[in-house]
Amino acid sequence: MVVKAIYEGGKFRLLEPIQLIEGQTVTLDILSETPKMTEAEAIRAALGDTVRWSDPTDNRNAWVEDMADEIDTAFQGNPPLSEIIIQDRGEV
């Protein structure tokens, strides 16, 4: 049986009625409901300390994203770079 409850004042308050005998002993498996993480938060949580995270306020490398946008714009309407390489190698 799964029931929802709120923990208040040191006790669990059930959010719906349940069918138990008065004084019956039960075992609780408590699963905390936490707010859903964003994709970025989930990645950070999964990788933890295995990655050195950059400071989002550090704009010293903003030119990299600008350059990526410029390259992306230059390739719009053209085949992907991988297809160009395959054609150049004659692997078609």
PDB file of N, CA and C in Angstrom:
ATOM      1  N   MET A   1       0.856  -1.165   0.000  1.00  0.00           N
ATOM      2  CA  MET A   1       0.000   0.000   0.000  1.00  0.00           C
ATOM      3  C   MET A   1       0.908   1.236   0.000  1.00  0.00           C
ATOM      4  N   VAL A   2       0.604   2.203  -0.841  1.00  0.00           N
ATOM      5  CA  VAL A   2       1.337   3.459  -0.896  1.00  0.00           C
ATOM      6  C   VAL A   2       0.369   4.569  -0.509  1.00  0.00           C
ATOM      7  N   VAL A   3       0.764   5.371   0.474  1.00  0.00           N
ATOM      8  CA  VAL A   3      -0.059   6.503   0.894  1.00  0.00           C
ATOM      9  C   VAL A   3       0.826   7.737   0.988  1.00  0.00           C
ATOM     10  N   LYS A   4       0.246   8.884   0.780  1.00  0.00           N
ATOM     11  CA  LYS A   4       0.976  10.137   0.919  1.00  0.00           C
ATOM     12  C   LYS A   4       0.695  10.721   2.294  1.00  0.00           C
ATOM     13  N   ALA A   5       1.733  11.347   2.862  1.00  0.00           N
ATOM     14  CA  ALA A   5       1.604  11.952   4.175  1.00  0.00           C
ATOM     15  C   ALA A   5       2.491  13.181   4.242  1.00  0.00           C
ATOM     16  N   ILE A   6       2.184  14.036   5.195  1.00  0.00           N
ATOM     17  CA  ILE A   6       2.997  15.223   5.457  1.00  0.00           C
ATOM     18  C   ILE A   6       3.551  15.087   6.867  1.00  0.00           C
ATOM     19  N   TYR A   7       4.836  15.389   7.012  1.00  0.00           N
ATOM     20  CA  TYR A   7       5.475  15.325   8.323  1.00  0.00           C
ATOM     21  C   TYR A   7       5.305  16.682   9.001  1.00  0.00           C
ATOM     22  N   GLU A   8       4.590  16.686  10.134  1.00  0.00           N
ATOM     23  CA  GLU A   8       4.321  17.931  10.865  1.00  0.00           C
ATOM     24  C   GLU A   8       4.448  17.675  12.365  1.00  0.00           C
ATOM     25  N   GLY A   9       5.178  18.519  13.032  1.00  0.00           N
ATOM     26  CA  GLY A   9       5.259  18.442  14.489  1.00  0.00           C
ATOM     27  C   GLY A   9       5.705  17.077  15.002  1.00  0.00           C
ATOM     28  N   GLY A  10       6.591  16.422  14.264  1.00  0.00           N
ATOM     29  CA  GLY A  10       7.106  15.129  14.712  1.00  0.00           C
ATOM     30  C   GLY A  10       6.214  13.944  14.397  1.00  0.00           C
ATOM     31  N   LYS A  11       5.129  14.176  13.634  1.00  0.00           N
ATOM     32  CA  LYS A  11       4.207  13.083  13.297  1.00  0.00           C
ATOM     33  C   LYS A  11       3.860  13.144  11.815  1.00  0.00           C
ATOM     34  N   PHE A  12       3.458  11.984  11.287  1.00  0.00           N
ATOM     35  CA  PHE A  12       3.003  11.937   9.910  1.00  0.00           C
ATOM     36  C   PHE A  12       1.492  12.141   9.879  1.00  0.00           C
ATOM     37  N   ARG A  13       1.037  13.055   9.043  1.00  0.00           N
ATOM     38  CA  ARG A  13      -0.402  13.276   8.851  1.00  0.00           C
ATOM     39  C   ARG A  13      -0.759  12.718   7.484  1.00  0.00           C
ATOM     40  N   LEU A  14      -1.596  11.668   7.470  1.00  0.00           N
ATOM     41  CA  LEU A  14      -1.985  11.033   6.214  1.00  0.00           C
ATOM     42  C   LEU A  14      -2.862  11.967   5.395  1.00  0.00           C
ATOM     43  N   LEU A  15      -2.684  11.936   4.095  1.00  0.00           N
ATOM     44  CA  LEU A  15      -3.458  12.787   3.203  1.00  0.00           C
ATOM     45  C   LEU A  15      -4.703  12.080   2.673  1.00  0.00           C
ATOM     46  N   GLU A  16      -4.830  10.804   2.976  1.00  0.00           N
ATOM     47  CA  GLU A  16      -6.014  10.034   2.563  1.00  0.00           C
ATOM     48  C   GLU A  16      -6.261   8.945   3.603  1.00  0.00           C
ATOM     49  N   PRO A  17      -7.520   8.495   3.740  1.00  0.00           N
ATOM     50  CA  PRO A  17      -7.804   7.444   4.719  1.00  0.00           C
ATOM     51  C   PRO A  17      -7.198   6.103   4.283  1.00  0.00           C
ATOM     52  N   ILE A  18      -6.846   5.279   5.283  1.00  0.00           N
ATOM     53  CA  ILE A  18      -6.303   3.950   4.979  1.00  0.00           C
ATOM     54  C   ILE A  18      -7.037   2.906   5.814  1.00  0.00           C
ATOM     55  N   GLN A  19      -6.985   1.666   5.364  1.00  0.00           N
ATOM     56  CA  GLN A  19      -7.673   0.563   6.039  1.00  0.00           C
ATOM     57  C   GLN A  19      -6.672  -0.223   6.884  1.00  0.00           C
ATOM     58  N   LEU A  20      -6.543   0.171   8.145  1.00  0.00           N
ATOM     59  CA  LEU A  20      -5.694  -0.547   9.088  1.00  0.00           C
ATOM     60  C   LEU A  20      -6.473  -0.789  10.366  1.00  0.00           C
ATOM     61  N   ILE A  21      -6.056  -1.807  11.093  1.00  0.00           N
ATOM     62  CA  ILE A  21      -6.665  -2.096  12.387  1.00  0.00           C
ATOM     63  C   ILE A  21      -5.988  -1.207  13.424  1.00  0.00           C
ATOM     64  N   GLU A  22      -6.761  -0.637  14.336  1.00  0.00           N
ATOM     65  CA  GLU A  22      -6.222   0.233  15.387  1.00  0.00           C
ATOM     66  C   GLU A  22      -5.131  -0.508  16.151  1.00  0.00           C
ATOM     67  N   GLY A  23      -3.962   0.118  16.275  1.00  0.00           N
ATOM     68  CA  GLY A  23      -2.842  -0.465  16.997  1.00  0.00           C
ATOM     69  C   GLY A  23      -1.971  -1.376  16.146  1.00  0.00           C
ATOM     70  N   GLN A  24      -2.319  -1.545  14.872  1.00  0.00           N
ATOM     71  CA  GLN A  24      -1.544  -2.418  13.989  1.00  0.00           C
ATOM     72  C   GLN A  24      -0.162  -1.816  13.744  1.00  0.00           C
ATOM     73  N   THR A  25       0.860  -2.671  13.789  1.00  0.00           N
ATOM     74  CA  THR A  25       2.225  -2.243  13.513  1.00  0.00           C
ATOM     75  C   THR A  25       2.466  -2.292  12.011  1.00  0.00           C
ATOM     76  N   VAL A  26       3.111  -1.252  11.492  1.00  0.00           N
ATOM     77  CA  VAL A  26       3.434  -1.196  10.064  1.00  0.00           C
ATOM     78  C   VAL A  26       4.896  -0.805   9.903  1.00  0.00           C
ATOM     79  N   THR A  27       5.445  -1.053   8.740  1.00  0.00           N
ATOM     80  CA  THR A  27       6.802  -0.620   8.405  1.00  0.00           C
ATOM     81  C   THR A  27       6.693   0.461   7.359  1.00  0.00           C
ATOM     82  N   LEU A  28       7.358   1.591   7.588  1.00  0.00           N
ATOM     83  CA  LEU A  28       7.318   2.706   6.647  1.00  0.00           C
ATOM     84  C   LEU A  28       8.609   2.763   5.841  1.00  0.00           C
ATOM     85  N   ASP A  29       8.477   2.960   4.560  1.00  0.00           N
ATOM     86  CA  ASP A  29       9.615   3.196   3.673  1.00  0.00           C
ATOM     87  C   ASP A  29       9.424   4.630   3.178  1.00  0.00           C
ATOM     88  N   ILE A  30      10.182   5.568   3.710  1.00  0.00           N
ATOM     89  CA  ILE A  30       9.953   6.981   3.447  1.00  0.00           C
ATOM     90  C   ILE A  30      10.732   7.435   2.223  1.00  0.00           C
ATOM     91  N   LEU A  31      10.017   7.926   1.229  1.00  0.00           N
ATOM     92  CA  LEU A  31      10.606   8.481   0.015  1.00  0.00           C
ATOM     93  C   LEU A  31      10.251   9.954  -0.033  1.00  0.00           C
ATOM     94  N   SER A  32      11.237  10.791   0.118  1.00  0.00           N
ATOM     95  CA  SER A  32      11.002  12.229   0.127  1.00  0.00           C
ATOM     96  C   SER A  32      10.685  12.722  -1.277  1.00  0.00           C
ATOM     97  N   GLU A  33       9.666  13.529  -1.404  1.00  0.00           N
ATOM     98  CA  GLU A  33       9.336  14.128  -2.690  1.00  0.00           C
ATOM     99  C   GLU A  33      10.081  15.451  -2.797  1.00  0.00           C
ATOM    100  N   THR A  34      10.998  15.526  -3.752  1.00  0.00           N
ATOM    101  CA  THR A  34      11.783  16.737  -3.945  1.00  0.00           C
ATOM    102  C   THR A  34      11.380  17.379  -5.260  1.00  0.00           C
ATOM    103  N   PRO A  35      11.585  18.675  -5.380  1.00  0.00           N
ATOM    104  CA  PRO A  35      11.260  19.337  -6.637  1.00  0.00           C
ATOM    105  C   PRO A  35      12.072  18.725  -7.782  1.00  0.00           C
ATOM    106  N   LYS A  36      11.467  18.673  -8.959  1.00  0.00           N
ATOM    107  CA  LYS A  36      12.131  18.118 -10.129  1.00  0.00           C
ATOM    108  C   LYS A  36      13.336  18.981 -10.502  1.00  0.00           C
ATOM    109  N   MET A  37      14.460  18.316 -10.751  1.00  0.00           N
ATOM    110  CA  MET A  37      15.681  19.029 -11.125  1.00  0.00           C
ATOM    111  C   MET A  37      15.656  19.397 -12.603  1.00  0.00           C
ATOM    112  N   THR A  38      16.321  20.487 -12.911  1.00  0.00           N
ATOM    113  CA  THR A  38      16.522  20.825 -14.319  1.00  0.00           C
ATOM    114  C   THR A  38      17.555  19.856 -14.872  1.00  0.00           C
ATOM    115  N   GLU A  39      17.663  19.800 -16.189  1.00  0.00           N
ATOM    116  CA  GLU A  39      18.639  18.906 -16.812  1.00  0.00           C
ATOM    117  C   GLU A  39      20.058  19.236 -16.342  1.00  0.00           C
ATOM    118  N   ALA A  40      20.373  20.523 -16.283  1.00  0.00           N
ATOM    119  CA  ALA A  40      21.708  20.939 -15.843  1.00  0.00           C
ATOM    120  C   ALA A  40      21.960  20.521 -14.399  1.00  0.00           C
ATOM    121  N   GLU A  41      20.965  20.667 -13.524  1.00  0.00           N
ATOM    122  CA  GLU A  41      21.116  20.266 -12.121  1.00  0.00           C
ATOM    123  C   GLU A  41      21.304  18.758 -12.001  1.00  0.00           C
ATOM    124  N   ALA A  42      20.585  17.994 -12.819  1.00  0.00           N
ATOM    125  CA  ALA A  42      20.706  16.541 -12.798  1.00  0.00           C
ATOM    126  C   ALA A  42      22.106  16.111 -13.243  1.00  0.00           C
ATOM    127  N   ILE A  43      22.633  16.765 -14.260  1.00  0.00           N
ATOM    128  CA  ILE A  43      23.980  16.447 -14.748  1.00  0.00           C
ATOM    129  C   ILE A  43      25.004  16.764 -13.669  1.00  0.00           C
ATOM    130  N   ARG A  44      24.874  17.941 -13.050  1.00  0.00           N
ATOM    131  CA  ARG A  44      25.806  18.317 -11.984  1.00  0.00           C
ATOM    132  C   ARG A  44      25.726  17.339 -10.810  1.00  0.00           C
ATOM    133  N   ALA A  45      24.516  16.919 -10.457  1.00  0.00           N
ATOM    134  CA  ALA A  45      24.342  15.979  -9.353  1.00  0.00           C
ATOM    135  C   ALA A  45      24.958  14.624  -9.687  1.00  0.00           C
ATOM    136  N   ALA A  46      24.796  14.180 -10.934  1.00  0.00           N
ATOM    137  CA  ALA A  46      25.324  12.879 -11.335  1.00  0.00           C
ATOM    138  C   ALA A  46      26.850  12.882 -11.403  1.00  0.00           C
ATOM    139  N   LEU A  47      27.422  13.960 -11.915  1.00  0.00           N
ATOM    140  CA  LEU A  47      28.872  14.019 -12.091  1.00  0.00           C
ATOM    141  C   LEU A  47      29.608  14.500 -10.851  1.00  0.00           C
ATOM    142  N   GLY A  48      28.917  15.291 -10.038  1.00  0.00           N
ATOM    143  CA  GLY A  48      29.485  15.748  -8.779  1.00  0.00           C
ATOM    144  C   GLY A  48      30.869  16.341  -8.903  1.00  0.00           C
ATOM    145  N   ASP A  49      31.800  15.826  -8.093  1.00  0.00           N
ATOM    146  CA  ASP A  49      33.161  16.354  -8.040  1.00  0.00           C
ATOM    147  C   ASP A  49      34.077  15.778  -9.119  1.00  0.00           C
ATOM    148  N   THR A  50      33.533  14.944 -10.011  1.00  0.00           N
ATOM    149  CA  THR A  50      34.389  14.379 -11.056  1.00  0.00           C
ATOM    150  C   THR A  50      34.686  15.389 -12.150  1.00  0.00           C
ATOM    151  N   VAL A  51      33.986  16.513 -12.138  1.00  0.00           N
ATOM    152  CA  VAL A  51      34.156  17.549 -13.159  1.00  0.00           C
ATOM    153  C   VAL A  51      34.501  18.864 -12.469  1.00  0.00           C
ATOM    154  N   ARG A  52      35.379  19.622 -13.070  1.00  0.00           N
ATOM    155  CA  ARG A  52      35.682  20.969 -12.571  1.00  0.00           C
ATOM    156  C   ARG A  52      34.711  21.919 -13.256  1.00  0.00           C
ATOM    157  N   TRP A  53      33.737  22.440 -12.510  1.00  0.00           N
ATOM    158  CA  TRP A  53      32.670  23.264 -13.071  1.00  0.00           C
ATOM    159  C   TRP A  53      33.154  24.693 -13.254  1.00  0.00           C
ATOM    160  N   SER A  54      32.767  25.284 -14.362  1.00  0.00           N
ATOM    161  CA  SER A  54      33.147  26.673 -14.619  1.00  0.00           C
ATOM    162  C   SER A  54      32.221  27.620 -13.868  1.00  0.00           C
ATOM    163  N   ASP A  55      32.690  28.801 -13.663  1.00  0.00           N
ATOM    164  CA  ASP A  55      31.913  29.843 -13.009  1.00  0.00           C
ATOM    165  C   ASP A  55      31.033  30.506 -14.066  1.00  0.00           C
ATOM    166  N   PRO A  56      29.695  30.425 -13.939  1.00  0.00           N
ATOM    167  CA  PRO A  56      28.818  30.994 -14.967  1.00  0.00           C
ATOM    168  C   PRO A  56      28.922  32.514 -15.087  1.00  0.00           C
ATOM    169  N   THR A  57      29.524  33.176 -14.093  1.00  0.00           N
ATOM    170  CA  THR A  57      29.665  34.633 -14.171  1.00  0.00           C
ATOM    171  C   THR A  57      30.980  35.042 -14.829  1.00  0.00           C
ATOM    172  N   ASP A  58      31.836  34.062 -15.126  1.00  0.00           N
ATOM    173  CA  ASP A  58      33.131  34.338 -15.744  1.00  0.00           C
ATOM    174  C   ASP A  58      32.949  34.424 -17.260  1.00  0.00           C
ATOM    175  N   ASN A  59      33.094  35.608 -17.825  1.00  0.00           N
ATOM    176  CA  ASN A  59      32.863  35.830 -19.256  1.00  0.00           C
ATOM    177  C   ASN A  59      34.144  35.880 -20.077  1.00  0.00           C
ATOM    178  N   ARG A  60      35.261  35.465 -19.495  1.00  0.00           N
ATOM    179  CA  ARG A  60      36.533  35.548 -20.218  1.00  0.00           C
ATOM    180  C   ARG A  60      36.545  34.706 -21.492  1.00  0.00           C
ATOM    181  N   ASN A  61      35.775  33.640 -21.526  1.00  0.00           N
ATOM    182  CA  ASN A  61      35.765  32.769 -22.696  1.00  0.00           C
ATOM    183  C   ASN A  61      34.470  32.891 -23.505  1.00  0.00           C
ATOM    184  N   ALA A  62      33.794  34.015 -23.390  1.00  0.00           N
ATOM    185  CA  ALA A  62      32.548  34.219 -24.132  1.00  0.00           C
ATOM    186  C   ALA A  62      32.787  34.188 -25.634  1.00  0.00           C
ATOM    187  N   TRP A  63      33.999  34.512 -26.068  1.00  0.00           N
ATOM    188  CA  TRP A  63      34.322  34.510 -27.497  1.00  0.00           C
ATOM    189  C   TRP A  63      34.170  33.118 -28.097  1.00  0.00           C
ATOM    190  N   VAL A  64      34.320  32.060 -27.272  1.00  0.00           N
ATOM    191  CA  VAL A  64      34.194  30.695 -27.782  1.00  0.00           C
ATOM    192  C   VAL A  64      32.762  30.459 -28.268  1.00  0.00           C
ATOM    193  N   GLU A  65      31.783  30.876 -27.470  1.00  0.00           N
ATOM    194  CA  GLU A  65      30.392  30.701 -27.883  1.00  0.00           C
ATOM    195  C   GLU A  65      30.062  31.584 -29.074  1.00  0.00           C
ATOM    196  N   ASP A  66      30.624  32.790 -29.106  1.00  0.00           N
ATOM    197  CA  ASP A  66      30.408  33.669 -30.262  1.00  0.00           C
ATOM    198  C   ASP A  66      30.963  33.021 -31.528  1.00  0.00           C
ATOM    199  N   MET A  67      32.148  32.425 -31.418  1.00  0.00           N
ATOM    200  CA  MET A  67      32.772  31.756 -32.562  1.00  0.00           C
ATOM    201  C   MET A  67      31.932  30.549 -32.990  1.00  0.00           C
ATOM    202  N   ALA A  68      31.408  29.799 -32.034  1.00  0.00           N
ATOM    203  CA  ALA A  68      30.571  28.641 -32.352  1.00  0.00           C
ATOM    204  C   ALA A  68      29.318  29.079 -33.088  1.00  0.00           C
ATOM    205  N   ASP A  69      28.716  30.191 -32.650  1.00  0.00           N
ATOM    206  CA  ASP A  69      27.535  30.720 -33.337  1.00  0.00           C
ATOM    207  C   ASP A  69      27.880  31.141 -34.762  1.00  0.00           C
ATOM    208  N   GLU A  70      29.045  31.759 -34.933  1.00  0.00           N
ATOM    209  CA  GLU A  70      29.486  32.204 -36.257  1.00  0.00           C
ATOM    210  C   GLU A  70      29.707  31.000 -37.186  1.00  0.00           C
ATOM    211  N   ILE A  71      30.320  29.956 -36.676  1.00  0.00           N
ATOM    212  CA  ILE A  71      30.549  28.747 -37.476  1.00  0.00           C
ATOM    213  C   ILE A  71      29.219  28.089 -37.821  1.00  0.00           C
ATOM    214  N   ASP A  72      28.320  28.012 -36.855  1.00  0.00           N
ATOM    215  CA  ASP A  72      27.000  27.423 -37.085  1.00  0.00           C
ATOM    216  C   ASP A  72      26.263  28.172 -38.187  1.00  0.00           C
ATOM    217  N   THR A  73      26.316  29.506 -38.145  1.00  0.00           N
ATOM    218  CA  THR A  73      25.665  30.324 -39.168  1.00  0.00           C
ATOM    219  C   THR A  73      26.292  30.081 -40.536  1.00  0.00           C
ATOM    220  N   ALA A  74      27.606  29.953 -40.579  1.00  0.00           N
ATOM    221  CA  ALA A  74      28.302  29.736 -41.850  1.00  0.00           C
ATOM    222  C   ALA A  74      27.911  28.411 -42.490  1.00  0.00           C
ATOM    223  N   PHE A  75      27.589  27.401 -41.690  1.00  0.00           N
ATOM    224  CA  PHE A  75      27.247  26.086 -42.221  1.00  0.00           C
ATOM    225  C   PHE A  75      25.758  25.913 -42.506  1.00  0.00           C
ATOM    226  N   GLN A  76      24.933  26.868 -42.131  1.00  0.00           N
ATOM    227  CA  GLN A  76      23.496  26.737 -42.377  1.00  0.00           C
ATOM    228  C   GLN A  76      23.236  26.640 -43.872  1.00  0.00           C
ATOM    229  N   GLY A  77      22.397  25.681 -44.258  1.00  0.00           N
ATOM    230  CA  GLY A  77      22.069  25.478 -45.667  1.00  0.00           C
ATOM    231  C   GLY A  77      23.066  24.588 -46.379  1.00  0.00           C
ATOM    232  N   ASN A  78      24.144  24.202 -45.729  1.00  0.00           N
ATOM    233  CA  ASN A  78      25.156  23.326 -46.309  1.00  0.00           C
ATOM    234  C   ASN A  78      25.049  21.950 -45.662  1.00  0.00           C
ATOM    235  N   PRO A  79      25.594  20.923 -46.325  1.00  0.00           N
ATOM    236  CA  PRO A  79      25.575  19.596 -45.702  1.00  0.00           C
ATOM    237  C   PRO A  79      26.453  19.603 -44.449  1.00  0.00           C
ATOM    238  N   PRO A  80      26.197  18.669 -43.542  1.00  0.00           N
ATOM    239  CA  PRO A  80      27.022  18.587 -42.335  1.00  0.00           C
ATOM    240  C   PRO A  80      28.490  18.364 -42.694  1.00  0.00           C
ATOM    241  N   LEU A  81      29.376  18.840 -41.828  1.00  0.00           N
ATOM    242  CA  LEU A  81      30.809  18.723 -42.060  1.00  0.00           C
ATOM    243  C   LEU A  81      31.220  17.268 -42.277  1.00  0.00           C
ATOM    244  N   SER A  82      30.582  16.344 -41.567  1.00  0.00           N
ATOM    245  CA  SER A  82      30.920  14.919 -41.723  1.00  0.00           C
ATOM    246  C   SER A  82      30.672  14.450 -43.151  1.00  0.00           C
ATOM    247  N   GLU A  83      29.589  14.907 -43.764  1.00  0.00           N
ATOM    248  CA  GLU A  83      29.307  14.529 -45.161  1.00  0.00           C
ATOM    249  C   GLU A  83      30.343  15.129 -46.108  1.00  0.00           C
ATOM    250  N   ILE A  84      30.772  16.345 -45.852  1.00  0.00           N
ATOM    251  CA  ILE A  84      31.786  16.991 -46.694  1.00  0.00           C
ATOM    252  C   ILE A  84      33.093  16.196 -46.620  1.00  0.00           C
ATOM    253  N   ILE A  85      33.474  15.787 -45.414  1.00  0.00           N
ATOM    254  CA  ILE A  85      34.706  15.010 -45.235  1.00  0.00           C
ATOM    255  C   ILE A  85      34.604  13.670 -45.971  1.00  0.00           C
ATOM    256  N   ILE A  86      33.479  13.009 -45.847  1.00  0.00           N
ATOM    257  CA  ILE A  86      33.279  11.712 -46.525  1.00  0.00           C
ATOM    258  C   ILE A  86      33.384  11.889 -48.035  1.00  0.00           C
ATOM    259  N   GLN A  87      32.807  12.942 -48.567  1.00  0.00           N
ATOM    260  CA  GLN A  87      32.899  13.206 -50.018  1.00  0.00           C
ATOM    261  C   GLN A  87      34.341  13.491 -50.416  1.00  0.00           C
ATOM    262  N   ASP A  88      35.054  14.295 -49.625  1.00  0.00           N
ATOM    263  CA  ASP A  88      36.449  14.595 -49.936  1.00  0.00           C
ATOM    264  C   ASP A  88      37.321  13.339 -49.945  1.00  0.00           C
ATOM    265  N   ARG A  89      36.997  12.372 -49.099  1.00  0.00           N
ATOM    266  CA  ARG A  89      37.769  11.129 -49.029  1.00  0.00           C
ATOM    267  C   ARG A  89      37.349  10.156 -50.128  1.00  0.00           C
ATOM    268  N   GLY A  90      36.271  10.484 -50.823  1.00  0.00           N
ATOM    269  CA  GLY A  90      35.769   9.585 -51.868  1.00  0.00           C
ATOM    270  C   GLY A  90      35.132   8.328 -51.299  1.00  0.00           C
ATOM    271  N   GLU A  91      34.566   8.433 -50.117  1.00  0.00           N
ATOM    272  CA  GLU A  91      33.950   7.279 -49.446  1.00  0.00           C
ATOM    273  C   GLU A  91      32.460   7.181 -49.697  1.00  0.00           C
ATOM    274  N   VAL A  92      31.964   7.913 -50.665  1.00  0.00           N
ATOM    275  CA  VAL A  92      30.516   7.935 -50.909  1.00  0.00           C
ATOM    276  C   VAL A  92      30.075   6.666 -51.597  1.00  0.00           C
TER     277      VAL A  92
END
